[in-house]
Amino acid sequence: MRLHRTVVAALGALALVTALPASASAANGTLHYVNVNGDDFSTANPVNGECYLLVSGAAHVDNGTDTTATVFSDHGCEDVLGPALPPGSARDFGAPVPHSVMFS
C-alpha cells in the first residue's frame, strides 16, 4: 500500500509539472541604446514578444542579443520604424526616432 501511495504521489507531481506553461523565451544578450538626450540604457535578456519602451526615444540602438529586434515609432510596439535589427547589428536614428522595441 505504501508503494502505491508513493507512485500515485510521484505521478501527480509529474502531471502538475508538465501541466505548467512553458516559461517565456528570452533573447540572450543585451540591447544597448542611447536616447536623444545622450543617456545610455540597456536591457539584458529581453523576453521575446514583450514591448519595451525606449526612454525619450533612441538616437542609437545596438542589438547585442541573439534575436531580431524590431523598433517602433510609437510607445506601444505598433508602428514599425524601418527594417528590423538582426542580432549583433546597430543603427543610428534621426527623425523619427524609435520609442519602443520588441524581440522575436
Protein backbone atom coordinates (compact mmCIF):
# COMPACT_ATOMS: atom_id res chain seq x y z
CA MET A 1 0.00 0.00 0.00
CA ARG A 2 2.85 2.38 0.82
CA LEU A 3 4.43 1.82 -2.63
CA HIS A 4 1.07 2.53 -4.28
CA ARG A 5 0.80 5.89 -2.47
CA THR A 6 4.36 6.80 -3.43
CA VAL A 7 3.71 6.02 -7.09
CA VAL A 8 0.44 7.97 -7.08
CA ALA A 9 2.13 10.96 -5.43
CA ALA A 10 5.01 10.87 -7.91
CA LEU A 11 2.66 10.66 -10.91
CA GLY A 12 0.58 13.52 -9.51
CA ALA A 13 3.65 15.70 -9.13
CA LEU A 14 4.79 14.84 -12.65
CA ALA A 15 1.36 15.71 -14.06
CA LEU A 16 1.40 19.03 -12.22
CA VAL A 17 4.85 19.96 -13.52
CA THR A 18 4.07 19.02 -17.12
CA ALA A 19 0.79 20.95 -16.98
CA LEU A 20 2.53 24.23 -16.13
CA PRO A 21 3.00 26.58 -19.09
CA ALA A 22 6.46 26.81 -20.58
CA SER A 23 8.38 29.85 -19.46
CA ALA A 24 8.63 32.69 -21.96
CA SER A 25 11.73 32.55 -24.10
CA ALA A 26 14.17 35.39 -23.90
CA ALA A 27 16.80 36.82 -26.17
CA ASN A 28 20.30 36.11 -24.89
CA GLY A 29 22.42 39.22 -24.65
CA THR A 30 21.86 42.90 -24.11
CA LEU A 31 20.16 45.68 -26.04
CA HIS A 32 22.01 48.98 -25.58
CA TYR A 33 20.68 52.32 -26.70
CA VAL A 34 21.46 55.99 -26.37
CA ASN A 35 18.41 58.23 -26.13
CA VAL A 36 18.04 61.62 -27.80
CA ASN A 37 19.40 63.29 -24.62
CA GLY A 38 22.63 61.25 -24.76
CA ASP A 39 21.72 58.97 -21.85
CA ASP A 40 22.80 55.30 -22.04
CA PHE A 41 20.34 52.49 -21.32
CA SER A 42 20.47 48.70 -21.58
CA THR A 43 18.14 45.74 -21.22
CA ALA A 44 19.61 42.29 -20.57
CA ASN A 45 17.96 39.13 -21.88
CA PRO A 46 14.69 40.76 -23.00
CA VAL A 47 11.64 38.50 -23.26
CA ASN A 48 10.54 37.75 -26.81
CA GLY A 49 7.16 39.25 -27.71
CA GLU A 50 7.18 41.89 -24.95
CA CYS A 51 7.12 45.57 -25.81
CA TYR A 52 9.95 47.60 -24.22
CA LEU A 53 9.85 51.39 -24.05
CA LEU A 54 12.88 53.38 -25.19
CA VAL A 55 13.06 56.30 -22.76
CA SER A 56 12.85 59.65 -24.63
CA GLY A 57 13.37 57.87 -27.96
CA ALA A 58 16.55 56.21 -29.19
CA ALA A 59 19.13 58.00 -31.31
CA HIS A 60 21.31 54.86 -31.45
CA VAL A 61 20.35 51.20 -30.90
CA ASP A 62 22.83 48.32 -30.58
CA ASN A 63 21.21 44.87 -30.67
CA GLY A 64 23.73 42.77 -28.75
CA THR A 65 21.27 39.87 -28.46
CA ASP A 66 20.91 36.65 -30.44
CA THR A 67 17.39 37.63 -31.53
CA THR A 68 15.99 40.07 -34.10
CA ALA A 69 14.86 43.42 -32.65
CA THR A 70 12.07 45.40 -34.29
CA VAL A 71 11.85 49.09 -33.39
CA PHE A 72 8.67 51.15 -33.45
CA SER A 73 7.97 54.86 -33.73
CA ASP A 74 5.22 54.71 -31.09
CA HIS A 75 5.24 53.68 -27.42
CA GLY A 76 3.10 50.56 -27.93
CA CYS A 77 5.04 48.50 -30.50
CA GLU A 78 2.53 49.07 -33.27
CA ASP A 79 4.14 51.35 -35.90
CA VAL A 80 7.27 49.63 -37.28
CA LEU A 81 10.13 52.02 -37.97
CA GLY A 82 12.30 50.67 -40.79
CA PRO A 83 13.77 47.21 -41.16
CA ALA A 84 14.37 45.04 -38.11
CA LEU A 85 17.82 44.93 -36.49
CA PRO A 86 19.34 41.46 -36.85
CA PRO A 87 21.33 40.00 -33.95
CA GLY A 88 24.61 41.84 -33.41
CA SER A 89 23.69 44.87 -35.51
CA ALA A 90 23.46 48.58 -34.63
CA ARG A 91 21.80 51.61 -36.17
CA ASP A 92 21.65 55.38 -35.72
CA PHE A 93 18.27 57.10 -36.00
CA GLY A 94 17.30 60.63 -36.97
CA ALA A 95 13.73 61.89 -37.02
CA PRO A 96 11.60 59.97 -36.35
CA VAL A 97 13.31 58.02 -33.58
CA PRO A 98 12.05 54.72 -32.17
CA HIS A 99 10.15 54.81 -28.88
CA SER A 100 9.70 51.06 -28.34
CA VAL A 101 11.27 47.74 -29.30
CA MET A 102 10.19 44.09 -29.43
CA PHE A 103 12.23 40.93 -29.89
CA SER A 104 11.19 37.89 -31.89
